[in-house]
Amino acid sequence: MSHALDALFRPASVAIIGASSDPTRIGGRPVAFSKRAFRGAIVPINPKGGEIQGLPAYASIAAATTFPGVAAAIDHIADVQVRNRGTIGGSIAHADPGADFPAIALAFEGSAVLRGPGGERVVPLDGFFEGPFQTAIRPDEILVAVRRGPVPDGANFAYMKLPQPASGYAIVGVAAVIGTSNGTISHAAIGVTGLHEHPFRAEDVEKALIGSDGSDAAIEAAAAHVDDDVEPSSDIHADGERSVLRTA
């Protein structure tokens, strides 16, 4: 990794990547893939957290996860070709305003592990996304892993979206990890994509849910806060007001 960083950020170096129908070749030259880096590995970092190293493809995560609902959510990302070749790290670093996985990662209170010549740092994804296709990654850093935060015992996960029919990107998508205790919601982490210029945590919705009974009325009242701190985006598919209604 240190050699790759040195080559990537050496002032005189220039990388030229060409198209090729052969996935083992870039610019007509053979590429040696590290099996660990290509497929990735999940390493525990605390009793209820995990680190995804190597930033594997969506399909690898779907096959490896044991958390209920995650594999089903990944099955709704793009199409089978993208799920087999596209990576979770690529999705997070790309920061498309309508990408699915950033919302899922936000709901799991994820963090980005960034590495550069100056060392390694960990940046919570809540604050990592700064704008359309803009992140906190510095020019001399690369994303090397994604960490998942702790999840309460018995918590449930769900992801729902209104997809753009042609691309599958989310016009609006909401991911949620919800935990309950003694009949009330004790944990709520919600990631939203498509609504704003970048994926974000719906903190006001979370605050409204925690302590409630999780009834339809409580959920509806909490959902009304989804755009309290963000400016809903308008595009060719929906104006901001309609996007808020679809999110709620």
Protein backbone atom coordinates (compact mmCIF):
# COMPACT_ATOMS: atom_id res chain seq x y z
CA MET A 1 0.00 0.00 0.00
CA SER A 2 2.81 2.43 0.85
CA HIS A 3 4.38 1.88 -2.58
CA ALA A 4 1.02 2.51 -4.26
CA LEU A 5 0.53 5.75 -2.34
CA ASP A 6 4.04 6.88 -3.15
CA ALA A 7 3.52 6.21 -6.87
CA LEU A 8 0.09 7.79 -6.87
CA PHE A 9 1.11 11.03 -5.21
CA ARG A 10 4.65 11.49 -6.54
CA PRO A 11 4.53 14.96 -8.22
CA ALA A 12 5.94 13.75 -11.55
CA SER A 13 3.72 10.69 -11.84
CA VAL A 14 0.74 10.50 -14.17
CA ALA A 15 -1.64 7.54 -14.37
CA ILE A 16 -3.41 6.81 -17.64
CA ILE A 17 -6.23 4.29 -17.50
CA GLY A 18 -7.67 3.00 -20.75
CA ALA A 19 -10.79 0.99 -21.49
CA SER A 20 -10.52 -2.75 -21.93
CA SER A 21 -12.98 -5.59 -22.28
CA ASP A 22 -10.61 -7.77 -20.22
CA PRO A 23 -11.08 -7.07 -16.47
CA THR A 24 -7.51 -8.22 -15.80
CA ARG A 25 -6.03 -5.56 -18.06
CA ILE A 26 -5.93 -1.76 -17.76
CA GLY A 27 -4.81 0.32 -20.70
CA GLY A 28 -3.88 -2.89 -22.50
CA ARG A 29 -1.45 -3.92 -19.74
CA PRO A 30 -1.99 -6.87 -17.38
CA VAL A 31 -3.03 -6.14 -13.81
CA ALA A 32 -2.28 -8.36 -10.82
CA PHE A 33 -5.23 -8.28 -8.44
CA SER A 34 -4.69 -8.97 -4.77
CA LYS A 35 -7.32 -11.53 -3.80
CA ARG A 36 -7.66 -9.96 -0.35
CA ALA A 37 -7.93 -6.43 -1.72
CA PHE A 38 -10.34 -7.38 -4.51
CA ARG A 39 -12.73 -9.52 -2.48
CA GLY A 40 -12.29 -7.81 0.86
CA ALA A 41 -12.45 -9.06 4.40
CA ILE A 42 -14.60 -8.20 7.41
CA VAL A 43 -12.58 -7.73 10.59
CA PRO A 44 -14.14 -7.09 14.03
CA ILE A 45 -13.04 -3.87 15.72
CA ASN A 46 -15.27 -4.03 18.78
CA PRO A 47 -17.95 -6.41 20.11
CA LYS A 48 -20.64 -4.83 17.95
CA GLY A 49 -18.72 -3.20 15.13
CA GLY A 50 -16.83 -4.32 12.09
CA GLU A 51 -14.37 -3.15 9.46
CA ILE A 52 -14.66 -3.96 5.78
CA GLN A 53 -11.17 -4.03 4.35
CA GLY A 54 -10.31 -4.20 0.69
CA LEU A 55 -13.67 -2.60 -0.16
CA PRO A 56 -15.29 -5.62 -1.83
CA ALA A 57 -18.03 -5.73 -4.44
CA TYR A 58 -21.68 -5.42 -3.45
CA ALA A 59 -22.26 -9.11 -4.20
CA SER A 60 -19.48 -10.12 -1.81
CA ILE A 61 -21.07 -8.13 1.01
CA ALA A 62 -24.51 -9.56 0.24
CA ALA A 63 -23.10 -13.09 0.41
CA ALA A 64 -21.13 -12.48 3.62
CA THR A 65 -23.52 -10.42 5.74
CA THR A 66 -25.55 -12.03 8.48
CA PHE A 67 -27.46 -8.88 9.43
CA PRO A 68 -31.12 -9.28 8.46
CA GLY A 69 -32.24 -7.13 5.55
CA VAL A 70 -28.83 -6.02 4.28
CA ALA A 71 -28.55 -8.61 1.51
CA ALA A 72 -32.08 -7.80 0.35
CA ALA A 73 -31.23 -4.09 0.25
CA ILE A 74 -28.11 -4.74 -1.81
CA ASP A 75 -30.17 -6.80 -4.26
CA HIS A 76 -32.01 -3.57 -5.14
CA ILE A 77 -28.83 -1.69 -6.04
CA ALA A 78 -28.48 -1.15 -9.80
CA ASP A 79 -28.27 -4.44 -11.73
CA VAL A 80 -26.43 -7.73 -11.40
CA GLN A 81 -23.44 -6.53 -13.43
CA VAL A 82 -22.93 -3.53 -11.15
CA ARG A 83 -23.42 -5.61 -8.01
CA ASN A 84 -20.78 -8.09 -9.18
CA ARG A 85 -18.20 -5.49 -10.19
CA GLY A 86 -19.06 -2.28 -8.33
CA THR A 87 -17.57 -1.83 -4.86
CA ILE A 88 -18.90 -0.29 -1.69
CA GLY A 89 -15.78 1.83 -1.41
CA GLY A 90 -16.28 3.14 -4.92
CA SER A 91 -19.85 4.11 -4.10
CA ILE A 92 -18.85 5.94 -0.91
CA ALA A 93 -15.87 7.72 -2.45
CA HIS A 94 -17.88 8.67 -5.56
CA ALA A 95 -20.58 10.27 -3.40
CA ASP A 96 -23.34 10.29 -5.98
CA PRO A 97 -26.33 12.17 -4.50
CA GLY A 98 -28.64 9.25 -5.41
CA ALA A 99 -26.40 6.29 -4.56
CA ASP A 100 -27.87 3.60 -2.32
CA PHE A 101 -24.96 2.34 -0.27
CA PRO A 102 -24.01 5.65 1.38
CA ALA A 103 -27.47 5.77 2.98
CA ILE A 104 -27.09 2.18 4.19
CA ALA A 105 -23.64 2.91 5.60
CA LEU A 106 -24.93 6.04 7.35
CA ALA A 107 -27.70 4.02 9.01
CA PHE A 108 -25.01 1.72 10.41
CA GLU A 109 -23.11 4.79 11.67
CA GLY A 110 -20.19 3.99 9.41
CA SER A 111 -16.81 5.67 9.15
CA ALA A 112 -14.33 5.97 6.29
CA VAL A 113 -10.74 4.86 6.88
CA LEU A 114 -8.49 7.12 4.80
CA ARG A 115 -4.78 6.65 4.20
CA GLY A 116 -2.17 8.97 2.74
CA PRO A 117 1.52 9.83 3.02
CA GLY A 118 0.86 11.36 6.43
CA GLY A 119 -0.73 8.22 7.85
CA GLU A 120 -4.24 7.00 8.47
CA ARG A 121 -7.32 8.76 9.80
CA VAL A 122 -10.94 7.76 10.43
CA VAL A 123 -13.75 10.09 9.34
CA PRO A 124 -17.39 9.45 10.35
CA LEU A 125 -19.59 9.26 7.26
CA ASP A 126 -21.92 11.71 8.96
CA GLY A 127 -19.96 14.72 7.74
CA PHE A 128 -17.84 12.84 5.19
CA PHE A 129 -20.16 13.75 2.30
CA GLU A 130 -19.76 17.44 1.50
CA GLY A 131 -21.65 17.94 -1.76
CA PRO A 132 -22.47 16.28 -5.08
CA PHE A 133 -19.51 13.97 -5.75
CA GLN A 134 -17.57 15.77 -3.01
CA THR A 135 -16.15 14.16 0.12
CA ALA A 136 -13.67 14.78 2.92
CA ILE A 137 -11.01 12.72 1.12
CA ARG A 138 -7.91 14.89 0.68
CA PRO A 139 -6.04 14.98 -2.64
CA ASP A 140 -3.27 12.81 -1.19
CA GLU A 141 -5.53 10.18 0.41
CA ILE A 142 -7.39 7.06 -0.66
CA LEU A 143 -10.23 5.16 0.99
CA VAL A 144 -8.93 1.82 2.28
CA ALA A 145 -11.73 0.53 4.53
CA VAL A 146 -15.19 1.24 5.90
CA ARG A 147 -16.05 0.72 9.56
CA ARG A 148 -19.48 -0.05 10.93
CA GLY A 149 -20.54 1.39 14.25
CA PRO A 150 -22.08 -0.59 17.13
CA VAL A 151 -25.62 -1.87 16.68
CA PRO A 152 -27.87 -2.70 19.67
CA ASP A 153 -28.86 -6.32 20.21
CA GLY A 154 -32.14 -7.07 18.49
CA ALA A 155 -32.05 -4.00 16.24
CA ASN A 156 -33.74 -4.19 12.85
CA PHE A 157 -32.67 -2.76 9.50
CA ALA A 158 -34.65 -1.74 6.43
CA TYR A 159 -33.98 0.17 3.23
CA MET A 160 -36.67 1.50 0.92
CA LYS A 161 -36.34 3.67 -2.14
CA LEU A 162 -38.21 5.15 -5.05
CA PRO A 163 -35.89 4.18 -7.93
CA GLN A 164 -35.31 6.00 -11.17
CA PRO A 165 -36.60 3.37 -13.63
CA ALA A 166 -33.74 3.53 -16.12
CA SER A 167 -30.71 3.74 -13.83
CA GLY A 168 -31.98 2.29 -10.57
CA TYR A 169 -30.54 5.23 -8.64
CA ALA A 170 -32.69 6.47 -5.78
CA ILE A 171 -34.91 9.44 -6.45
CA VAL A 172 -35.42 9.11 -2.70
CA GLY A 173 -34.02 6.35 -0.51
CA VAL A 174 -34.18 5.83 3.26
CA ALA A 175 -32.17 3.33 5.32
CA ALA A 176 -32.91 2.81 8.99
CA VAL A 177 -31.51 0.83 11.90
CA ILE A 178 -34.03 0.80 14.75
CA GLY A 179 -33.71 -0.71 18.22
CA THR A 180 -36.39 -0.98 20.89
CA SER A 181 -36.46 -1.43 24.63
CA ASN A 182 -39.51 -1.95 26.83
CA GLY A 183 -41.89 -1.07 24.03
CA THR A 184 -40.24 2.19 23.00
CA ILE A 185 -37.63 3.09 20.40
CA SER A 186 -34.25 3.37 22.10
CA HIS A 187 -31.99 3.56 19.04
CA ALA A 188 -32.59 5.18 15.65
CA ALA A 189 -30.03 5.80 12.92
CA ILE A 190 -31.39 6.90 9.54
CA GLY A 191 -29.54 7.55 6.30
CA VAL A 192 -31.20 9.38 3.43
CA THR A 193 -30.14 9.58 -0.21
CA GLY A 194 -31.57 11.32 -3.26
CA LEU A 195 -33.31 14.07 -1.32
CA HIS A 196 -30.36 16.42 -0.81
CA GLU A 197 -27.19 17.23 -2.75
CA HIS A 198 -25.44 14.48 -0.80
CA PRO A 199 -26.45 11.55 1.45
CA PHE A 200 -27.05 12.55 5.07
CA ARG A 201 -28.14 11.40 8.52
CA ALA A 202 -31.70 12.47 9.33
CA GLU A 203 -30.85 13.45 12.89
CA ASP A 204 -34.07 15.34 13.60
CA VAL A 205 -36.09 12.31 12.54
CA GLU A 206 -33.96 10.12 14.80
CA LYS A 207 -34.50 12.43 17.78
CA ALA A 208 -38.25 12.43 17.20
CA LEU A 209 -38.36 8.63 17.02
CA ILE A 210 -36.30 7.88 20.12
CA GLY A 211 -38.60 7.52 23.10
CA SER A 212 -41.70 7.06 20.95
CA ASP A 213 -43.79 3.91 20.70
CA GLY A 214 -43.03 3.44 17.00
CA SER A 215 -46.67 3.69 16.03
CA ASP A 216 -47.74 4.82 12.57
CA ALA A 217 -48.60 8.22 14.00
CA ALA A 218 -45.19 8.55 15.71
CA ILE A 219 -43.38 7.57 12.52
CA GLU A 220 -45.40 10.00 10.43
CA ALA A 221 -44.72 12.83 12.87
CA ALA A 222 -41.00 12.05 12.94
CA ALA A 223 -40.74 11.78 9.14
CA ALA A 224 -42.02 15.34 8.81
CA HIS A 225 -38.61 16.49 10.14
CA VAL A 226 -36.59 14.91 7.33
CA ASP A 227 -35.77 18.22 5.65
CA ASP A 228 -35.40 20.36 8.78
CA ASP A 229 -31.68 20.86 8.27
CA VAL A 230 -31.21 20.26 4.54
CA GLU A 231 -32.33 21.87 1.31
CA PRO A 232 -34.27 19.33 -0.80
CA SER A 233 -32.93 19.11 -4.33
CA SER A 234 -35.00 19.42 -7.47
CA ASP A 235 -34.21 17.61 -10.71
CA ILE A 236 -35.92 16.31 -13.84
CA HIS A 237 -37.62 13.56 -11.83
CA ALA A 238 -39.09 15.56 -8.95
CA ASP A 239 -38.99 18.99 -7.41
CA GLY A 240 -37.82 19.35 -3.84
CA GLU A 241 -41.31 19.47 -2.34
CA ARG A 242 -42.40 16.25 -4.01
CA SER A 243 -39.16 14.56 -2.96
CA VAL A 244 -39.87 15.44 0.68
CA LEU A 245 -43.37 13.96 0.40
CA ARG A 246 -41.96 10.76 -1.12
CA THR A 247 -39.39 10.50 1.63
CA ALA A 248 -42.03 10.88 4.34
